[in-house]
C-alpha atoms as a PDB file:
ATOM      1  CA  MET A   1     -15.668  46.375   9.767  1.00  0.00           C
ATOM      2  CA  ASP A   2     -13.556  46.293  12.932  1.00  0.00           C
ATOM      3  CA  ASN A   3     -11.652  49.158  14.545  1.00  0.00           C
ATOM      4  CA  LEU A   4      -8.202  47.930  13.562  1.00  0.00           C
ATOM      5  CA  PRO A   5      -6.391  50.398  11.320  1.00  0.00           C
ATOM      6  CA  GLN A   6      -6.611  49.698   7.602  1.00  0.00           C
ATOM      7  CA  ARG A   7      -3.488  50.495   5.620  1.00  0.00           C
ATOM      8  CA  TYR A   8      -5.328  51.053   2.334  1.00  0.00           C
ATOM      9  CA  LYS A   9      -8.528  53.070   2.012  1.00  0.00           C
ATOM     10  CA  GLU A  10     -11.071  53.744  -0.719  1.00  0.00           C
ATOM     11  CA  THR A  11      -9.701  57.285  -1.252  1.00  0.00           C
ATOM     12  CA  ASP A  12      -6.131  56.099  -1.900  1.00  0.00           C
ATOM     13  CA  LYS A  13      -4.831  56.205  -5.448  1.00  0.00           C
ATOM     14  CA  MET A  14      -4.719  52.734  -6.932  1.00  0.00           C
ATOM     15  CA  SER A  15      -1.191  53.428  -8.154  1.00  0.00           C
ATOM     16  CA  ASP A  16      -0.086  53.968  -4.534  1.00  0.00           C
ATOM     17  CA  LEU A  17      -1.180  50.433  -3.634  1.00  0.00           C
ATOM     18  CA  ILE A  18       1.015  48.932  -6.331  1.00  0.00           C
ATOM     19  CA  CYS A  19       3.969  51.158  -5.495  1.00  0.00           C
ATOM     20  CA  GLY A  20       3.601  50.155  -1.850  1.00  0.00           C
ATOM     21  CA  ASN A  21       3.393  46.411  -2.551  1.00  0.00           C
ATOM     22  CA  TYR A  22       3.882  45.118  -6.096  1.00  0.00           C
ATOM     23  CA  SER A  23       2.453  41.693  -5.171  1.00  0.00           C
ATOM     24  CA  LEU A  24      -0.962  43.372  -5.090  1.00  0.00           C
ATOM     25  CA  LEU A  25      -0.793  43.329  -8.892  1.00  0.00           C
ATOM     26  CA  LEU A  26      -1.957  39.727  -8.617  1.00  0.00           C
ATOM     27  CA  VAL A  27      -4.933  40.760  -6.489  1.00  0.00           C
ATOM     28  CA  MET A  28      -5.891  43.440  -9.006  1.00  0.00           C
ATOM     29  CA  SER A  29      -5.686  40.963 -11.858  1.00  0.00           C
ATOM     30  CA  ARG A  30      -7.841  38.415 -10.028  1.00  0.00           C
ATOM     31  CA  PHE A  31     -10.500  41.038  -9.428  1.00  0.00           C
ATOM     32  CA  GLY A  32     -10.437  41.860 -13.141  1.00  0.00           C
ATOM     33  CA  LEU A  33      -8.985  45.340 -12.654  1.00  0.00           C
ATOM     34  CA  PRO A  34      -6.865  46.519 -15.604  1.00  0.00           C
ATOM     35  CA  LEU A  35      -3.772  48.695 -15.530  1.00  0.00           C
ATOM     36  CA  GLY A  36      -3.754  52.241 -16.874  1.00  0.00           C
ATOM     37  CA  PHE A  37      -5.693  53.739 -13.967  1.00  0.00           C
ATOM     38  CA  GLY A  38      -3.871  57.082 -13.844  1.00  0.00           C
ATOM     39  CA  ASP A  39      -4.523  58.962 -10.594  1.00  0.00           C
ATOM     40  CA  ARG A  40      -7.948  57.467  -9.938  1.00  0.00           C
ATOM     41  CA  THR A  41      -8.803  56.172  -6.476  1.00  0.00           C
ATOM     42  CA  VAL A  42      -9.423  52.603  -5.383  1.00  0.00           C
ATOM     43  CA  LYS A  43     -13.166  53.248  -5.179  1.00  0.00           C
ATOM     44  CA  GLU A  44     -13.262  54.848  -8.631  1.00  0.00           C
ATOM     45  CA  ILE A  45     -11.346  52.027 -10.315  1.00  0.00           C
ATOM     46  CA  CYS A  46     -13.401  49.296  -8.621  1.00  0.00           C
ATOM     47  CA  THR A  47     -16.727  51.008  -9.352  1.00  0.00           C
ATOM     48  CA  GLN A  48     -15.844  51.550 -13.014  1.00  0.00           C
ATOM     49  CA  ASN A  49     -15.049  47.844 -13.378  1.00  0.00           C
ATOM     50  CA  GLY A  50     -18.029  46.464 -11.474  1.00  0.00           C
ATOM     51  CA  VAL A  51     -15.990  45.309  -8.460  1.00  0.00           C
ATOM     52  CA  ASP A  52     -17.161  45.791  -4.885  1.00  0.00           C
ATOM     53  CA  TYR A  53     -14.507  48.144  -3.526  1.00  0.00           C
ATOM     54  CA  LYS A  54     -15.074  47.122   0.115  1.00  0.00           C
ATOM     55  CA  THR A  55     -14.321  43.505  -0.739  1.00  0.00           C
ATOM     56  CA  PHE A  56     -11.255  44.489  -2.767  1.00  0.00           C
ATOM     57  CA  LEU A  57      -9.954  46.584   0.136  1.00  0.00           C
ATOM     58  CA  ALA A  58     -10.687  43.810   2.633  1.00  0.00           C
ATOM     59  CA  VAL A  59      -8.558  41.389   0.598  1.00  0.00           C
ATOM     60  CA  VAL A  60      -5.609  43.741   0.020  1.00  0.00           C
ATOM     61  CA  ASN A  61      -5.566  44.817   3.666  1.00  0.00           C
ATOM     62  CA  PHE A  62      -5.797  41.203   4.816  1.00  0.00           C
ATOM     63  CA  ILE A  63      -2.848  40.265   2.617  1.00  0.00           C
ATOM     64  CA  GLU A  64      -0.871  43.331   3.713  1.00  0.00           C
ATOM     65  CA  GLU A  65      -1.623  43.279   7.439  1.00  0.00           C
ATOM     66  CA  ASP A  66      -2.640  39.625   7.933  1.00  0.00           C
ATOM     67  CA  HIS A  67      -5.566  40.386  10.230  1.00  0.00           C
ATOM     68  CA  PHE A  68      -9.263  39.841   9.792  1.00  0.00           C
ATOM     69  CA  ARG A  69     -11.860  39.603  12.552  1.00  0.00           C
ATOM     70  CA  ILE A  70     -14.194  36.976  11.193  1.00  0.00           C
ATOM     71  CA  GLU A  71     -17.432  37.799  12.970  1.00  0.00           C
ATOM     72  CA  ASP A  72     -17.258  41.538  12.323  1.00  0.00           C
ATOM     73  CA  ASP A  73     -15.595  41.838   8.941  1.00  0.00           C
ATOM     74  CA  SER A  74     -17.456  39.203   6.922  1.00  0.00           C
ATOM     75  CA  GLU A  75     -20.614  41.330   7.031  1.00  0.00           C
ATOM     76  CA  GLY A  76     -19.158  43.919   4.666  1.00  0.00           C
ATOM     77  CA  LEU A  77     -18.006  41.475   2.006  1.00  0.00           C
ATOM     78  CA  SER A  78     -19.580  40.799  -1.372  1.00  0.00           C
ATOM     79  CA  VAL A  79     -19.600  37.020  -1.681  1.00  0.00           C
ATOM     80  CA  ALA A  80     -20.007  37.288  -5.452  1.00  0.00           C
ATOM     81  CA  SER A  81     -16.924  39.524  -5.830  1.00  0.00           C
ATOM     82  CA  LEU A  82     -14.866  37.368  -3.480  1.00  0.00           C
ATOM     83  CA  MET A  83     -15.851  34.180  -5.313  1.00  0.00           C
ATOM     84  CA  SER A  84     -14.920  35.752  -8.649  1.00  0.00           C
ATOM     85  CA  TYR A  85     -11.526  36.630  -7.178  1.00  0.00           C
ATOM     86  CA  LEU A  86     -11.001  33.041  -6.003  1.00  0.00           C
ATOM     87  CA  LYS A  87     -12.026  31.611  -9.386  1.00  0.00           C
ATOM     88  CA  GLN A  88      -9.531  33.847 -11.159  1.00  0.00           C
ATOM     89  CA  ALA A  89      -6.848  32.778  -8.681  1.00  0.00           C
ATOM     90  CA  HIS A  90      -7.529  29.123  -9.524  1.00  0.00           C
ATOM     91  CA  SER A  91      -7.168  29.886 -13.224  1.00  0.00           C
ATOM     92  CA  TYR A  92      -3.907  31.743 -12.569  1.00  0.00           C
ATOM     93  CA  PHE A  93      -2.354  28.828 -10.674  1.00  0.00           C
ATOM     94  CA  LEU A  94      -3.569  26.002 -12.935  1.00  0.00           C
ATOM     95  CA  ASP A  95      -3.402  27.628 -16.361  1.00  0.00           C
ATOM     96  CA  PHE A  96      -0.434  29.954 -15.981  1.00  0.00           C
ATOM     97  CA  ASN A  97       1.786  29.899 -12.891  1.00  0.00           C
ATOM     98  CA  LEU A  98       2.317  26.163 -12.372  1.00  0.00           C
ATOM     99  CA  PRO A  99       2.785  25.394 -16.110  1.00  0.00           C
ATOM    100  CA  VAL A 100       5.376  28.199 -16.328  1.00  0.00           C
ATOM    101  CA  ILE A 101       7.263  26.766 -13.337  1.00  0.00           C
ATOM    102  CA  ARG A 102       7.262  23.323 -14.991  1.00  0.00           C
ATOM    103  CA  ARG A 103       8.718  24.713 -18.208  1.00  0.00           C
ATOM    104  CA  LYS A 104      11.421  26.526 -16.242  1.00  0.00           C
ATOM    105  CA  LEU A 105      12.191  23.350 -14.285  1.00  0.00           C
ATOM    106  CA  ILE A 106      12.701  21.354 -17.485  1.00  0.00           C
ATOM    107  CA  GLU A 107      14.974  24.086 -18.791  1.00  0.00           C
ATOM    108  CA  ALA A 108      16.957  24.341 -15.552  1.00  0.00           C
ATOM    109  CA  ILE A 109      17.570  20.676 -14.723  1.00  0.00           C
ATOM    110  CA  ASP A 110      19.288  17.939 -16.678  1.00  0.00           C
ATOM    111  CA  CYS A 111      16.584  15.464 -17.707  1.00  0.00           C
ATOM    112  CA  SER A 112      18.960  12.960 -19.319  1.00  0.00           C
ATOM    113  CA  THR A 113      18.419   9.306 -18.502  1.00  0.00           C
ATOM    114  CA  GLU A 114      21.426   9.309 -16.146  1.00  0.00           C
ATOM    115  CA  ASN A 115      20.037  12.009 -13.880  1.00  0.00           C
ATOM    116  CA  GLU A 116      17.628  10.266 -11.508  1.00  0.00           C
ATOM    117  CA  VAL A 117      17.279  13.267  -9.209  1.00  0.00           C
ATOM    118  CA  ALA A 118      16.054  15.420 -12.097  1.00  0.00           C
ATOM    119  CA  PHE A 119      13.360  12.872 -12.964  1.00  0.00           C
ATOM    120  CA  LEU A 120      12.384  12.636  -9.295  1.00  0.00           C
ATOM    121  CA  ILE A 121      12.006  16.428  -9.139  1.00  0.00           C
ATOM    122  CA  LEU A 122       9.832  16.541 -12.256  1.00  0.00           C
ATOM    123  CA  LYS A 123       7.740  13.548 -11.141  1.00  0.00           C
ATOM    124  CA  PHE A 124       7.259  15.094  -7.711  1.00  0.00           C
ATOM    125  CA  PHE A 125       6.192  18.393  -9.270  1.00  0.00           C
ATOM    126  CA  ASP A 126       3.720  16.749 -11.662  1.00  0.00           C
ATOM    127  CA  GLU A 127       2.136  14.773  -8.822  1.00  0.00           C
ATOM    128  CA  TYR A 128       1.852  17.963  -6.803  1.00  0.00           C
ATOM    129  CA  VAL A 129       0.148  19.820  -9.660  1.00  0.00           C
ATOM    130  CA  GLY A 130      -2.290  16.916  -9.929  1.00  0.00           C
ATOM    131  CA  GLU A 131      -3.172  17.345  -6.254  1.00  0.00           C
ATOM    132  CA  VAL A 132      -3.637  21.099  -6.667  1.00  0.00           C
ATOM    133  CA  ARG A 133      -5.879  20.558  -9.684  1.00  0.00           C
ATOM    134  CA  LYS A 134      -8.014  18.034  -7.791  1.00  0.00           C
ATOM    135  CA  HIS A 135      -8.266  20.440  -4.839  1.00  0.00           C
ATOM    136  CA  MET A 136      -9.305  23.394  -6.990  1.00  0.00           C
ATOM    137  CA  ASP A 137     -11.606  21.387  -9.263  1.00  0.00           C
ATOM    138  CA  TYR A 138     -13.580  20.359  -6.175  1.00  0.00           C
ATOM    139  CA  GLU A 139     -13.928  23.997  -5.161  1.00  0.00           C
ATOM    140  CA  ASN A 140     -14.872  25.093  -8.696  1.00  0.00           C
ATOM    141  CA  LYS A 141     -17.457  22.378  -9.255  1.00  0.00           C
ATOM    142  CA  MET A 142     -18.870  21.808  -5.775  1.00  0.00           C
ATOM    143  CA  VAL A 143     -18.228  24.775  -3.491  1.00  0.00           C
ATOM    144  CA  PHE A 144     -18.673  27.605  -5.975  1.00  0.00           C
ATOM    145  CA  LYS A 145     -21.753  25.957  -7.506  1.00  0.00           C
ATOM    146  CA  TYR A 146     -23.246  25.724  -4.012  1.00  0.00           C
ATOM    147  CA  VAL A 147     -22.478  29.404  -3.350  1.00  0.00           C
ATOM    148  CA  GLU A 148     -23.937  30.432  -6.728  1.00  0.00           C
ATOM    149  CA  ASP A 149     -27.181  28.723  -5.703  1.00  0.00           C
ATOM    150  CA  LEU A 150     -27.068  30.555  -2.365  1.00  0.00           C
ATOM    151  CA  LEU A 151     -26.739  33.843  -4.218  1.00  0.00           C
ATOM    152  CA  GLN A 152     -29.981  32.878  -5.998  1.00  0.00           C
ATOM    153  CA  GLY A 153     -31.640  32.279  -2.632  1.00  0.00           C
ATOM    154  CA  LYS A 154     -31.449  28.462  -2.815  1.00  0.00           C
ATOM    155  CA  LEU A 155     -30.334  26.623   0.329  1.00  0.00           C
ATOM    156  CA  SER A 156     -29.147  23.039  -0.114  1.00  0.00           C
ATOM    157  CA  ASP A 157     -30.420  20.228   2.110  1.00  0.00           C
ATOM    158  CA  SER A 158     -27.266  18.145   1.620  1.00  0.00           C
ATOM    159  CA  TYR A 159     -24.356  20.584   1.610  1.00  0.00           C
ATOM    160  CA  GLN A 160     -23.062  23.437   3.770  1.00  0.00           C
ATOM    161  CA  ILE A 161     -19.872  25.468   3.684  1.00  0.00           C
ATOM    162  CA  SER A 162     -18.815  23.759   6.941  1.00  0.00           C
ATOM    163  CA  ILE A 163     -18.254  20.561   4.922  1.00  0.00           C
ATOM    164  CA  PHE A 164     -15.735  22.410   2.779  1.00  0.00           C
ATOM    165  CA  ALA A 165     -14.150  24.070   5.833  1.00  0.00           C
ATOM    166  CA  ARG A 166     -13.584  20.715   7.561  1.00  0.00           C
ATOM    167  CA  ARG A 167     -11.861  19.118   4.581  1.00  0.00           C
ATOM    168  CA  HIS A 168      -9.952  22.195   3.407  1.00  0.00           C
ATOM    169  CA  ASN A 169      -6.237  21.421   3.553  1.00  0.00           C
ATOM    170  CA  GLN A 170      -3.221  23.604   2.943  1.00  0.00           C
ATOM    171  CA  ILE A 171      -2.019  22.798  -0.574  1.00  0.00           C
ATOM    172  CA  GLU A 172       1.302  24.632  -0.512  1.00  0.00           C
ATOM    173  CA  ALA A 173       3.088  22.277   1.928  1.00  0.00           C
ATOM    174  CA  LYS A 174       4.460  19.905  -0.729  1.00  0.00           C
ATOM    175  CA  LEU A 175       6.269  22.782  -2.408  1.00  0.00           C
ATOM    176  CA  THR A 176       8.441  22.961   0.713  1.00  0.00           C
ATOM    177  CA  GLU A 177       9.482  19.346   0.092  1.00  0.00           C
ATOM    178  CA  LEU A 178      10.214  20.123  -3.549  1.00  0.00           C
ATOM    179  CA  LYS A 179      12.402  23.083  -2.595  1.00  0.00           C
ATOM    180  CA  ASN A 180      14.316  20.903  -0.128  1.00  0.00           C
ATOM    181  CA  ILE A 181      14.917  18.189  -2.748  1.00  0.00           C
ATOM    182  CA  ILE A 182      16.328  20.745  -5.184  1.00  0.00           C
ATOM    183  CA  ILE A 183      18.398  22.626  -2.603  1.00  0.00           C
ATOM    184  CA  LYS A 184      19.803  19.577  -0.797  1.00  0.00           C
ATOM    185  CA  TYR A 185      20.139  16.917  -3.480  1.00  0.00           C
ATOM    186  CA  TYR A 186      20.230  18.323  -7.000  1.00  0.00           C
ATOM    187  CA  PRO A 187      23.901  18.484  -8.142  1.00  0.00           C
ATOM    188  CA  ALA A 188      23.660  21.844  -9.897  1.00  0.00           C
ATOM    189  CA  LYS A 189      26.605  23.704 -11.323  1.00  0.00           C
ATOM    190  CA  ALA A 190      27.744  26.918  -9.674  1.00  0.00           C
ATOM    191  CA  ASN A 191      25.960  30.089 -10.759  1.00  0.00           C
ATOM    192  CA  ASN A 192      23.006  28.151 -12.140  1.00  0.00           C
ATOM    193  CA  ASN A 193      20.840  31.187 -12.762  1.00  0.00           C
ATOM    194  CA  LEU A 194      18.012  29.192 -14.331  1.00  0.00           C
ATOM    195  CA  LEU A 195      17.695  26.896 -11.315  1.00  0.00           C
ATOM    196  CA  ASN A 196      17.910  29.794  -8.879  1.00  0.00           C
ATOM    197  CA  ALA A 197      15.204  31.613 -10.833  1.00  0.00           C
ATOM    198  CA  VAL A 198      12.822  28.641 -10.747  1.00  0.00           C
ATOM    199  CA  LEU A 199      13.485  28.195  -7.023  1.00  0.00           C
ATOM    200  CA  PHE A 200      12.530  31.824  -6.537  1.00  0.00           C
ATOM    201  CA  ASP A 201       9.307  31.169  -8.485  1.00  0.00           C
ATOM    202  CA  ILE A 202       8.539  28.134  -6.313  1.00  0.00           C
ATOM    203  CA  TYR A 203       9.023  30.193  -3.141  1.00  0.00           C
ATOM    204  CA  SER A 204       6.701  32.876  -4.523  1.00  0.00           C
ATOM    205  CA  CYS A 205       4.086  30.320  -5.579  1.00  0.00           C
ATOM    206  CA  GLU A 206       4.200  28.676  -2.154  1.00  0.00           C
ATOM    207  CA  GLN A 207       3.554  32.001  -0.431  1.00  0.00           C
ATOM    208  CA  ASP A 208       0.811  32.911  -2.913  1.00  0.00           C
ATOM    209  CA  LEU A 209      -0.967  29.574  -2.383  1.00  0.00           C
ATOM    210  CA  ALA A 210      -0.739  29.959   1.403  1.00  0.00           C
ATOM    211  CA  THR A 211      -2.316  33.414   1.188  1.00  0.00           C
ATOM    212  CA  HIS A 212      -4.989  32.091  -1.170  1.00  0.00           C
ATOM    213  CA  CYS A 213      -5.975  29.403   1.334  1.00  0.00           C
ATOM    214  CA  LYS A 214      -6.091  31.977   4.150  1.00  0.00           C
ATOM    215  CA  VAL A 215      -8.467  34.147   2.137  1.00  0.00           C
ATOM    216  CA  GLU A 216     -10.711  31.124   1.670  1.00  0.00           C
ATOM    217  CA  ASP A 217     -10.581  30.120   5.349  1.00  0.00           C
ATOM    218  CA  TYR A 218     -10.767  33.506   7.051  1.00  0.00           C
ATOM    219  CA  MET A 219     -12.827  35.548   4.597  1.00  0.00           C
ATOM    220  CA  PHE A 220     -14.801  33.377   2.168  1.00  0.00           C
ATOM    221  CA  VAL A 221     -16.028  30.684   4.573  1.00  0.00           C
ATOM    222  CA  PRO A 222     -17.321  33.152   7.246  1.00  0.00           C
ATOM    223  CA  ALA A 223     -19.008  35.286   4.573  1.00  0.00           C
ATOM    224  CA  VAL A 224     -20.763  32.216   3.140  1.00  0.00           C
ATOM    225  CA  ARG A 225     -21.804  31.094   6.637  1.00  0.00           C
ATOM    226  CA  ARG A 226     -23.406  34.492   7.163  1.00  0.00           C
ATOM    227  CA  MET A 227     -25.209  34.171   3.832  1.00  0.00           C
ATOM    228  CA  GLU A 228     -26.445  30.673   4.741  1.00  0.00           C
ATOM    229  CA  LYS A 229     -28.077  32.125   7.854  1.00  0.00           C
ATOM    230  CA  GLU A 230     -29.664  34.957   5.871  1.00  0.00           C
ATOM    231  CA  VAL A 231     -31.050  32.641   3.176  1.00  0.00           C
ATOM    232  CA  GLY A 232     -32.220  30.164   5.827  1.00  0.00           C
ATOM    233  CA  SER A 233     -34.088  32.862   7.738  1.00  0.00           C
ATOM    234  CA  HIS A 234     -35.876  33.963   4.555  1.00  0.00           C
ATOM    235  CA  GLU A 235     -37.016  30.406   3.835  1.00  0.00           C
ATOM    236  CA  LYS A 236     -38.710  30.062   7.228  1.00  0.00           C
END
């Protein structure tokens, strides 16, 4: 690990992390860490649940401080734990977060036949979700399968993580367009609490997706590259 200060450490109480930044609840959930941890430390909670505590701390500190020195820090990561985290994040977005936003959108906007803007918003959102699903399905079926083989000591002749890195695009950008359509063009009534609430959810989802992609680019890809070199050296 590098010499930059880390806000959260293995000896900190897990409850202090959540009190300091409630968005870390999502990180805990994606690592499979349950609530009800009392006064136990980060290391204790992670160890009891079979999670590599160094990888957990690397992710929460990256999200909190937004710094990660690729060459130095990837050495201390557990690729298996990080991949499990990313898989759970995919499930959260596709199976929970985005469907909830869609239901709230339908409830908040007038989908009568006369309201063309409302249909445009819903159509735009559905197309966006389709793109996100395609993006994450590729990672689930191709990238993670490749990494699982690497973890078994198998190096592919036809695929490397650099292929994924080159084609990896930021999937949150279209949510900015959706927000602008709603804010600028949807003729909502004053004090539309439902619409304001779904806009808040869209903002949160956009930020969450951006962070997710950063974790993949700045943590997962370098860690897999390091593992490729290690597996390759063992095969020689």
